[in-house]
Structure formats: C-alpha cells, structure tokens
Amino acid sequence: MATAVDFTNQSFAPLKNDLILRVARGERAKRVPVWVLKQAGKYLPEYKELRGNRKFFDICKDPELVCDITVQVCLHQ
C-alpha cells in the first residue's frame, strides 16, 4: 500500500515557469500554456514516416503535420 508523503514542510526553489499550474488553479495568464509530450509515439512506424528527417521543433511549426502526428499517437493509445 502506498504511503502519503507530506511536503508541507519542504523548501523548494521558486518555480521559473508555473504558467500551467496557475491556469489549472483558475488564475488568469498572459498566454495559453502548452504542454508538449515529446516522447509520445516515437516508436510508431506511422510517426517515423510522418516525421521523416525533420527535427522536433520544425514539426511543431507545421500545424497540419502536428495534427496528423497527434491523430496517429491518439489512435495507438
């Protein structure tokens, strides 16, 4: 059985990018947070074919390619 851990007395460094956490708490943000899961689908032949020789961040700049890859990954979850 898992044991709960109490982090209330822990001292953590201030977060440098807590945008997604602030939005999750319902706070306003200057921009929409984006979470990128880079590893998703890397093993899929369909992903490898769509990706070709492109670098990850080059793919991110192509909305049509991002949509195609997202659908491929979601179909295999």
N, C-alpha and C. Protein backbone atom coordinates (compact mmCIF):
# COMPACT_ATOMS: atom_id res chain seq x y z
N MET A 1 0.84 -1.18 0.00
CA MET A 1 0.00 0.00 0.00
C MET A 1 0.88 1.24 0.00
N ALA A 2 0.55 2.21 -0.82
CA ALA A 2 1.34 3.44 -0.93
C ALA A 2 1.14 4.31 0.31
N THR A 3 2.20 4.98 0.69
CA THR A 3 2.16 5.87 1.84
C THR A 3 2.17 7.31 1.36
N ALA A 4 1.29 8.13 1.90
CA ALA A 4 1.24 9.54 1.53
C ALA A 4 2.48 10.25 2.07
N VAL A 5 2.98 11.19 1.29
CA VAL A 5 4.14 11.97 1.70
C VAL A 5 3.70 13.39 1.96
N ASP A 6 4.13 13.94 3.08
CA ASP A 6 3.78 15.32 3.45
C ASP A 6 4.90 16.26 3.02
N PHE A 7 4.61 17.10 2.02
CA PHE A 7 5.60 18.05 1.52
C PHE A 7 5.42 19.45 2.10
N THR A 8 4.54 19.63 3.06
CA THR A 8 4.24 20.96 3.57
C THR A 8 5.43 21.62 4.26
N ASN A 9 6.33 20.84 4.80
CA ASN A 9 7.49 21.42 5.47
C ASN A 9 8.74 21.46 4.59
N GLN A 10 8.61 21.08 3.35
CA GLN A 10 9.74 21.07 2.43
C GLN A 10 9.99 22.47 1.88
N SER A 11 11.23 22.74 1.57
CA SER A 11 11.60 24.03 0.99
C SER A 11 12.06 23.80 -0.44
N PHE A 12 11.25 24.25 -1.38
CA PHE A 12 11.58 24.10 -2.79
C PHE A 12 11.95 25.46 -3.38
N ALA A 13 12.81 25.44 -4.38
CA ALA A 13 13.16 26.68 -5.08
C ALA A 13 11.92 27.20 -5.79
N PRO A 14 11.79 28.52 -5.95
CA PRO A 14 10.63 29.07 -6.66
C PRO A 14 10.60 28.55 -8.11
N LEU A 15 9.41 28.26 -8.58
CA LEU A 15 9.27 27.80 -9.96
C LEU A 15 9.55 28.93 -10.93
N LYS A 16 10.23 28.60 -12.02
CA LYS A 16 10.54 29.61 -13.03
C LYS A 16 9.43 29.69 -14.09
N ASN A 17 8.72 28.58 -14.28
CA ASN A 17 7.65 28.56 -15.26
C ASN A 17 6.47 27.78 -14.68
N ASP A 18 5.60 28.49 -13.99
CA ASP A 18 4.45 27.84 -13.36
C ASP A 18 3.15 28.19 -14.07
N LEU A 19 3.24 28.58 -15.33
CA LEU A 19 2.07 29.02 -16.09
C LEU A 19 0.97 27.96 -16.10
N ILE A 20 1.30 26.72 -16.39
CA ILE A 20 0.28 25.68 -16.48
C ILE A 20 -0.35 25.42 -15.11
N LEU A 21 0.44 25.55 -14.04
CA LEU A 21 -0.11 25.36 -12.69
C LEU A 21 -1.06 26.49 -12.32
N ARG A 22 -0.69 27.72 -12.68
CA ARG A 22 -1.56 28.86 -12.38
C ARG A 22 -2.89 28.74 -13.11
N VAL A 23 -2.86 28.36 -14.37
CA VAL A 23 -4.09 28.21 -15.15
C VAL A 23 -4.93 27.06 -14.58
N ALA A 24 -4.28 25.99 -14.16
CA ALA A 24 -5.01 24.85 -13.58
C ALA A 24 -5.73 25.26 -12.29
N ARG A 25 -5.18 26.24 -11.57
CA ARG A 25 -5.84 26.75 -10.35
C ARG A 25 -6.92 27.77 -10.67
N GLY A 26 -7.10 28.08 -11.96
CA GLY A 26 -8.13 29.03 -12.36
C GLY A 26 -7.67 30.46 -12.37
N GLU A 27 -6.36 30.69 -12.25
CA GLU A 27 -5.83 32.04 -12.29
C GLU A 27 -5.68 32.51 -13.73
N ARG A 28 -5.68 33.81 -13.93
CA ARG A 28 -5.51 34.38 -15.27
C ARG A 28 -4.04 34.26 -15.70
N ALA A 29 -3.85 34.17 -17.00
CA ALA A 29 -2.49 34.08 -17.55
C ALA A 29 -2.38 34.98 -18.77
N LYS A 30 -1.16 35.42 -19.06
CA LYS A 30 -0.92 36.29 -20.22
C LYS A 30 -1.02 35.52 -21.53
N ARG A 31 -0.80 34.20 -21.46
CA ARG A 31 -0.88 33.36 -22.67
C ARG A 31 -1.38 31.97 -22.29
N VAL A 32 -1.77 31.23 -23.29
CA VAL A 32 -2.26 29.87 -23.08
C VAL A 32 -1.05 28.95 -22.87
N PRO A 33 -1.07 28.15 -21.80
CA PRO A 33 0.05 27.23 -21.60
C PRO A 33 -0.02 26.07 -22.57
N VAL A 34 1.14 25.58 -22.95
CA VAL A 34 1.22 24.44 -23.86
C VAL A 34 2.12 23.39 -23.23
N TRP A 35 1.64 22.16 -23.24
CA TRP A 35 2.42 21.05 -22.71
C TRP A 35 2.75 20.14 -23.87
N VAL A 36 4.03 19.90 -24.10
CA VAL A 36 4.47 19.07 -25.20
C VAL A 36 5.03 17.76 -24.64
N LEU A 37 4.49 16.67 -25.10
CA LEU A 37 4.98 15.36 -24.71
C LEU A 37 5.80 14.82 -25.86
N LYS A 38 7.10 15.08 -25.83
CA LYS A 38 7.98 14.77 -26.95
C LYS A 38 8.11 13.27 -27.23
N GLN A 39 8.04 12.44 -26.23
CA GLN A 39 8.28 11.01 -26.41
C GLN A 39 7.09 10.25 -27.01
N ALA A 40 5.92 10.81 -26.94
CA ALA A 40 4.72 10.09 -27.38
C ALA A 40 4.82 9.70 -28.85
N GLY A 41 4.70 8.42 -29.10
CA GLY A 41 4.62 7.94 -30.48
C GLY A 41 5.94 7.71 -31.18
N LYS A 42 7.06 8.00 -30.55
CA LYS A 42 8.35 7.87 -31.24
C LYS A 42 8.60 6.48 -31.79
N TYR A 43 7.99 5.47 -31.18
CA TYR A 43 8.21 4.09 -31.59
C TYR A 43 7.30 3.68 -32.74
N LEU A 44 6.28 4.49 -33.04
CA LEU A 44 5.29 4.10 -34.06
C LEU A 44 5.85 4.28 -35.48
N PRO A 45 5.67 3.28 -36.33
CA PRO A 45 6.11 3.41 -37.72
C PRO A 45 5.43 4.60 -38.42
N GLU A 46 4.16 4.84 -38.09
CA GLU A 46 3.43 5.95 -38.70
C GLU A 46 4.06 7.30 -38.34
N TYR A 47 4.48 7.41 -37.09
CA TYR A 47 5.14 8.65 -36.63
C TYR A 47 6.46 8.83 -37.38
N LYS A 48 7.24 7.75 -37.45
CA LYS A 48 8.54 7.83 -38.12
C LYS A 48 8.38 8.24 -39.58
N GLU A 49 7.33 7.71 -40.22
CA GLU A 49 7.09 8.05 -41.62
C GLU A 49 6.70 9.52 -41.77
N LEU A 50 5.79 9.99 -40.92
CA LEU A 50 5.36 11.40 -40.99
C LEU A 50 6.50 12.35 -40.64
N ARG A 51 7.30 11.95 -39.66
CA ARG A 51 8.40 12.82 -39.22
C ARG A 51 9.48 12.94 -40.29
N GLY A 52 9.82 11.83 -40.92
CA GLY A 52 10.90 11.86 -41.91
C GLY A 52 12.20 12.29 -41.25
N ASN A 53 12.89 13.23 -41.85
CA ASN A 53 14.17 13.73 -41.31
C ASN A 53 14.01 15.04 -40.56
N ARG A 54 12.77 15.45 -40.31
CA ARG A 54 12.53 16.74 -39.65
C ARG A 54 12.94 16.70 -38.18
N LYS A 55 13.39 17.84 -37.68
CA LYS A 55 13.68 17.98 -36.26
C LYS A 55 12.38 18.25 -35.51
N PHE A 56 12.36 17.90 -34.23
CA PHE A 56 11.14 18.01 -33.43
C PHE A 56 10.52 19.40 -33.49
N PHE A 57 11.31 20.44 -33.27
CA PHE A 57 10.73 21.79 -33.23
C PHE A 57 10.34 22.30 -34.61
N ASP A 58 10.91 21.74 -35.66
CA ASP A 58 10.45 22.08 -37.00
C ASP A 58 9.05 21.49 -37.24
N ILE A 59 8.82 20.31 -36.71
CA ILE A 59 7.49 19.69 -36.80
C ILE A 59 6.47 20.56 -36.07
N CYS A 60 6.86 21.08 -34.91
CA CYS A 60 5.95 21.90 -34.10
C CYS A 60 5.48 23.16 -34.82
N LYS A 61 6.21 23.60 -35.81
CA LYS A 61 5.87 24.82 -36.55
C LYS A 61 4.95 24.54 -37.73
N ASP A 62 4.60 23.28 -37.96
CA ASP A 62 3.75 22.89 -39.08
C ASP A 62 2.43 22.35 -38.54
N PRO A 63 1.38 23.19 -38.44
CA PRO A 63 0.12 22.77 -37.82
C PRO A 63 -0.49 21.52 -38.44
N GLU A 64 -0.43 21.38 -39.75
CA GLU A 64 -1.02 20.21 -40.39
C GLU A 64 -0.27 18.93 -39.98
N LEU A 65 1.05 19.01 -39.96
CA LEU A 65 1.85 17.85 -39.56
C LEU A 65 1.61 17.52 -38.08
N VAL A 66 1.52 18.53 -37.24
CA VAL A 66 1.23 18.31 -35.82
C VAL A 66 -0.10 17.59 -35.65
N CYS A 67 -1.11 18.00 -36.39
CA CYS A 67 -2.42 17.35 -36.31
C CYS A 67 -2.34 15.90 -36.75
N ASP A 68 -1.65 15.65 -37.85
CA ASP A 68 -1.52 14.28 -38.35
C ASP A 68 -0.82 13.39 -37.33
N ILE A 69 0.26 13.88 -36.75
CA ILE A 69 1.01 13.10 -35.76
C ILE A 69 0.18 12.89 -34.50
N THR A 70 -0.54 13.91 -34.07
CA THR A 70 -1.39 13.80 -32.88
C THR A 70 -2.43 12.72 -33.06
N VAL A 71 -3.06 12.68 -34.22
CA VAL A 71 -4.08 11.67 -34.51
C VAL A 71 -3.45 10.28 -34.49
N GLN A 72 -2.27 10.13 -35.09
CA GLN A 72 -1.61 8.83 -35.11
C GLN A 72 -1.31 8.35 -33.68
N VAL A 73 -0.80 9.24 -32.85
CA VAL A 73 -0.48 8.87 -31.46
C VAL A 73 -1.74 8.52 -30.69
N CYS A 74 -2.79 9.31 -30.86
CA CYS A 74 -4.04 9.08 -30.12
C CYS A 74 -4.70 7.76 -30.53
N LEU A 75 -4.58 7.39 -31.77
CA LEU A 75 -5.16 6.13 -32.26
C LEU A 75 -4.49 4.91 -31.64
N HIS A 76 -3.25 5.07 -31.20
CA HIS A 76 -2.49 3.95 -30.68
C HIS A 76 -2.38 3.95 -29.17
N GLN A 77 -3.13 4.78 -28.50
CA GLN A 77 -3.07 4.85 -27.02
C GLN A 77 -3.92 3.78 -26.42
